[in-house]
Amino acid sequence: MKVIVGLGNPGLKYRDTRHNTGFMVMDRLAELCHVSFEQEKFEAYFVKTKIEGEDVILMKPTTYMNNSGFAVRQVLDFYKLSPDHLLVIYDDIDLSVGRIRLRQKGSAGGHNGIKSIISCIFTEQFDRIRVGIGRDPRVRIVDWVLSRFRPEEKEPFAQAVDLAAQAAYYSITHSFVQTMNEYNGR
């Protein structure tokens, strides 16, 4: 079983903000899987499906970014899964808009959603897809991540969201090492 979690904040106020990148990728991934988020479970928008014989859970935590780990812990406990079954998708200010980066482990790097997950599942060892949202040094980070994309950023960002969703979909039937080899550097 694979659990794929996209990080963001619920509600219209946050809908198209940079910090909701994980939610946007999950919406695109749901399209690729021919499912929709019609259920709330484990403090998340939730859907369970099968892709090529593999059980897959897609989640968008409704706990707000800083408490994302609570939803992740609940689903892992309920299905008795280890973090080896987890893929987390989220925004990264250290990557330029339009870039994605896949990793198997690492620190939170200042990302509060990842900090929450690490503190709730007690490990940094889980697969991740980071999607670049860029950074403007003139804008406070909290204001930047809650801002919307500039007109010139929308096209490369949309391409990155699609690429991240394709990588997540690919990871369902391939090892994450194969997925990194296929999608890193694109």
Protein backbone atom coordinates (compact mmCIF):
# COMPACT_ATOMS: atom_id res chain seq x y z
CA MET A 1 0.00 0.00 0.00
CA LYS A 2 1.16 3.51 -0.83
CA VAL A 3 0.11 6.64 1.09
CA ILE A 4 0.61 9.87 -0.87
CA VAL A 5 0.10 13.09 1.06
CA GLY A 6 0.10 16.61 -0.36
CA LEU A 7 0.59 19.45 2.12
CA GLY A 8 -1.40 22.66 2.22
CA ASN A 9 -4.05 24.58 4.12
CA PRO A 10 -7.81 24.03 3.76
CA GLY A 11 -10.20 26.81 2.81
CA LEU A 12 -10.70 29.30 -0.01
CA LYS A 13 -8.42 31.86 1.65
CA TYR A 14 -5.40 29.64 0.95
CA ARG A 15 -6.58 27.96 -2.24
CA ASP A 16 -4.09 29.25 -4.83
CA THR A 17 -1.25 30.24 -2.51
CA ARG A 18 2.31 28.98 -2.84
CA HIS A 19 2.00 27.02 0.42
CA ASN A 20 -0.85 24.99 -1.10
CA THR A 21 1.36 23.50 -3.77
CA GLY A 22 1.00 20.02 -2.26
CA PHE A 23 -2.79 20.27 -2.51
CA MET A 24 -2.54 21.38 -6.14
CA VAL A 25 -0.32 18.41 -7.01
CA MET A 26 -2.75 16.07 -5.23
CA ASP A 27 -5.66 17.45 -7.25
CA ARG A 28 -3.73 16.77 -10.46
CA LEU A 29 -2.73 13.30 -9.19
CA ALA A 30 -6.37 12.52 -8.40
CA GLU A 31 -7.21 13.38 -12.03
CA LEU A 32 -4.50 10.99 -13.25
CA CYS A 33 -5.95 8.29 -10.95
CA HIS A 34 -9.54 9.05 -12.10
CA VAL A 35 -10.72 9.72 -8.52
CA SER A 36 -11.82 12.75 -6.50
CA PHE A 37 -11.56 13.88 -2.90
CA GLU A 38 -15.15 13.38 -1.79
CA GLN A 39 -14.49 11.94 1.66
CA GLU A 40 -12.98 13.35 4.86
CA LYS A 41 -11.18 10.81 7.03
CA PHE A 42 -8.12 10.93 9.29
CA GLU A 43 -8.41 14.73 9.45
CA ALA A 44 -7.84 14.90 5.71
CA TYR A 45 -9.53 14.95 2.35
CA PHE A 46 -9.10 11.29 1.60
CA VAL A 47 -9.53 8.78 -1.18
CA LYS A 48 -8.50 5.12 -1.36
CA THR A 49 -8.16 3.49 -4.77
CA LYS A 50 -6.30 0.79 -6.69
CA ILE A 51 -3.75 1.53 -9.39
CA GLU A 52 -2.50 -1.45 -11.38
CA GLY A 53 -3.35 -3.75 -8.46
CA GLU A 54 -1.68 -1.55 -5.83
CA ASP A 55 -3.75 -0.05 -2.98
CA VAL A 56 -3.19 3.71 -2.90
CA ILE A 57 -4.35 6.34 -0.42
CA LEU A 58 -4.33 9.99 -1.48
CA MET A 59 -4.59 12.61 1.28
CA LYS A 60 -4.76 16.37 1.75
CA PRO A 61 -4.58 17.05 5.53
CA THR A 62 -7.20 19.48 6.86
CA THR A 63 -5.16 20.10 10.02
CA TYR A 64 -3.46 23.15 8.49
CA MET A 65 0.16 22.97 7.42
CA ASN A 66 1.78 23.15 10.86
CA ASN A 67 -0.11 20.08 12.13
CA SER A 68 0.09 17.88 9.02
CA GLY A 69 1.82 15.13 10.97
CA PHE A 70 -1.34 14.37 12.98
CA ALA A 71 -3.22 13.25 9.85
CA VAL A 72 -0.23 11.29 8.56
CA ARG A 73 0.21 9.49 11.90
CA GLN A 74 -3.49 8.54 11.98
CA VAL A 75 -3.48 6.89 8.57
CA LEU A 76 -0.19 5.06 9.15
CA ASP A 77 -1.47 3.74 12.50
CA PHE A 78 -4.89 2.73 11.16
CA TYR A 79 -3.42 0.71 8.27
CA LYS A 80 -0.42 -0.46 10.35
CA LEU A 81 2.05 0.99 7.86
CA SER A 82 5.63 2.12 8.32
CA PRO A 83 6.97 5.39 6.87
CA ASP A 84 8.38 3.26 4.01
CA HIS A 85 4.87 3.43 2.50
CA LEU A 86 4.73 7.24 2.65
CA LEU A 87 5.29 9.86 -0.06
CA VAL A 88 4.89 13.54 0.89
CA ILE A 89 4.54 16.35 -1.66
CA TYR A 90 5.13 19.95 -0.63
CA ASP A 91 6.35 23.41 -1.58
CA ASP A 92 10.01 24.43 -1.37
CA ILE A 93 11.19 28.05 -1.31
CA ASP A 94 14.76 26.99 -2.07
CA LEU A 95 13.81 25.65 -5.50
CA SER A 96 12.96 28.03 -8.30
CA VAL A 97 9.43 28.04 -9.69
CA GLY A 98 9.08 25.25 -12.23
CA ARG A 99 11.57 22.86 -10.62
CA ILE A 100 10.89 19.67 -8.70
CA ARG A 101 13.24 17.57 -6.58
CA LEU A 102 12.75 14.05 -5.25
CA ARG A 103 14.46 12.75 -2.12
CA GLN A 104 14.17 9.70 0.11
CA LYS A 105 14.98 11.37 3.41
CA GLY A 106 16.19 14.57 4.99
CA SER A 107 15.56 17.25 7.55
CA ALA A 108 12.57 19.56 7.53
CA GLY A 109 14.68 22.36 6.07
CA GLY A 110 12.55 24.92 7.91
CA HIS A 111 9.26 23.63 6.47
CA ASN A 112 6.71 23.46 9.29
CA GLY A 113 4.57 20.80 7.64
CA ILE A 114 7.56 18.49 7.32
CA LYS A 115 8.63 19.31 10.90
CA SER A 116 5.19 18.20 12.06
CA ILE A 117 5.36 14.94 10.11
CA ILE A 118 8.86 14.15 11.39
CA SER A 119 7.80 14.80 15.00
CA CYS A 120 4.68 12.61 14.63
CA ILE A 121 6.21 9.62 12.83
CA PHE A 122 9.60 9.85 14.58
CA THR A 123 11.77 9.66 11.48
CA GLU A 124 13.15 11.74 8.61
CA GLN A 125 13.21 8.64 6.42
CA PHE A 126 10.30 9.00 4.03
CA ASP A 127 10.00 9.79 0.32
CA ARG A 128 9.35 13.36 -0.76
CA ILE A 129 8.62 15.38 -3.85
CA ARG A 130 9.45 19.06 -3.38
CA VAL A 131 7.99 21.59 -5.81
CA GLY A 132 9.73 24.93 -6.22
CA ILE A 133 7.85 28.09 -5.30
CA GLY A 134 10.89 30.39 -5.44
CA ARG A 135 11.70 33.14 -3.01
CA ASP A 136 11.73 36.91 -3.02
CA PRO A 137 14.28 38.15 -0.45
CA ARG A 138 12.36 41.44 -0.13
CA VAL A 139 9.26 39.63 1.19
CA ARG A 140 9.01 37.96 4.62
CA ILE A 141 8.87 34.18 4.19
CA VAL A 142 5.46 33.85 5.90
CA ASP A 143 4.03 36.47 3.52
CA TRP A 144 5.74 34.88 0.52
CA VAL A 145 4.39 31.35 1.07
CA LEU A 146 0.88 32.70 1.55
CA SER A 147 1.06 34.80 -1.63
CA ARG A 148 -0.25 33.85 -5.04
CA PHE A 149 1.90 33.24 -8.09
CA ARG A 150 2.86 36.14 -10.31
CA PRO A 151 1.60 36.05 -13.93
CA GLU A 152 5.03 35.10 -15.32
CA GLU A 153 5.30 32.22 -12.82
CA LYS A 154 1.97 30.57 -13.58
CA GLU A 155 3.04 28.57 -16.66
CA PRO A 156 6.26 27.09 -15.22
CA PHE A 157 4.47 26.39 -11.94
CA ALA A 158 1.63 24.56 -13.71
CA GLN A 159 4.21 22.46 -15.55
CA ALA A 160 5.95 21.61 -12.25
CA VAL A 161 2.63 20.61 -10.66
CA ASP A 162 1.91 18.30 -13.58
CA LEU A 163 5.42 16.83 -13.49
CA ALA A 164 5.23 16.24 -9.72
CA ALA A 165 1.85 14.50 -10.15
CA GLN A 166 3.30 12.32 -12.91
CA ALA A 167 6.26 11.43 -10.68
CA ALA A 168 3.93 10.51 -7.80
CA TYR A 169 1.83 8.37 -10.14
CA TYR A 170 4.97 6.67 -11.50
CA SER A 171 6.12 5.92 -7.92
CA ILE A 172 3.02 3.81 -7.32
CA THR A 173 4.30 1.03 -9.59
CA HIS A 174 8.05 1.72 -9.44
CA SER A 175 10.58 1.97 -6.64
CA PHE A 176 11.32 5.48 -5.43
CA VAL A 177 14.92 5.11 -6.62
CA GLN A 178 13.58 4.42 -10.13
CA THR A 179 11.23 7.39 -9.75
CA MET A 180 14.09 9.69 -8.71
CA ASN A 181 16.18 8.50 -11.65
CA GLU A 182 13.28 9.19 -14.02
CA TYR A 183 12.16 12.58 -12.67
CA ASN A 184 15.05 14.35 -10.90
CA GLY A 185 16.73 16.87 -13.15
CA ARG A 186 13.66 17.54 -15.27
